Amino acid sequence: MSRDKLSLGQAAEMTGYSKRTFMELLGDYGVSVFNYPAEDIARDAANA
């Protein structure tokens, strides 16, 4: 892991939230927890 990045769990721990709560808060602010291009998601869904 790069020294410049935190995992979701590390970020949640630093803020004092559970991973689930932290993910929900990120979603409230429009921040995606996935590093996956939208085009790839759409293609995968179409192929499912």
Protein backbone atom coordinates (compact mmCIF):
# COMPACT_ATOMS: atom_id res chain seq x y z
CA MET A 1 0.00 0.00 0.00
CA SER A 2 1.22 3.48 -0.81
CA ARG A 3 2.20 5.62 2.13
CA ASP A 4 0.04 8.41 0.70
CA LYS A 5 -3.22 6.47 0.92
CA LEU A 6 -5.41 5.04 3.65
CA SER A 7 -7.61 2.02 3.41
CA LEU A 8 -11.29 2.52 4.09
CA GLY A 9 -10.84 0.81 7.44
CA GLN A 10 -7.89 3.03 8.38
CA ALA A 11 -9.79 6.19 7.48
CA ALA A 12 -12.83 5.05 9.44
CA GLU A 13 -10.68 4.22 12.46
CA MET A 14 -8.97 7.63 12.32
CA THR A 15 -12.33 9.37 12.38
CA GLY A 16 -13.80 7.17 15.09
CA TYR A 17 -16.55 5.70 12.90
CA SER A 18 -17.27 2.12 11.90
CA LYS A 19 -16.48 1.26 8.28
CA ARG A 20 -20.19 1.08 7.51
CA THR A 21 -20.95 4.49 9.02
CA PHE A 22 -17.91 6.01 7.34
CA MET A 23 -19.02 4.65 3.96
CA GLU A 24 -22.51 6.07 4.49
CA LEU A 25 -21.08 9.47 5.39
CA LEU A 26 -18.89 9.46 2.28
CA GLY A 27 -21.97 8.63 0.22
CA ASP A 28 -23.82 11.56 1.78
CA TYR A 29 -21.06 13.80 0.42
CA GLY A 30 -21.03 12.16 -3.00
CA VAL A 31 -17.68 10.45 -2.47
CA SER A 32 -17.40 6.99 -4.01
CA VAL A 33 -15.64 4.31 -2.01
CA PHE A 34 -15.01 2.35 -5.19
CA ASN A 35 -12.15 3.02 -7.56
CA TYR A 36 -13.98 1.52 -10.50
CA PRO A 37 -14.87 3.49 -13.65
CA ALA A 38 -18.61 3.93 -14.23
CA GLU A 39 -18.24 2.61 -17.78
CA ASP A 40 -16.88 -0.67 -16.45
CA ILE A 41 -19.76 -1.02 -14.00
CA ALA A 42 -22.29 -0.39 -16.77
CA ARG A 43 -20.59 -2.93 -19.04
CA ASP A 44 -20.44 -5.54 -16.27
CA ALA A 45 -24.11 -5.00 -15.45
CA ALA A 46 -25.05 -5.36 -19.10
CA ASN A 47 -23.09 -8.60 -19.33
CA ALA A 48 -24.53 -10.08 -16.13
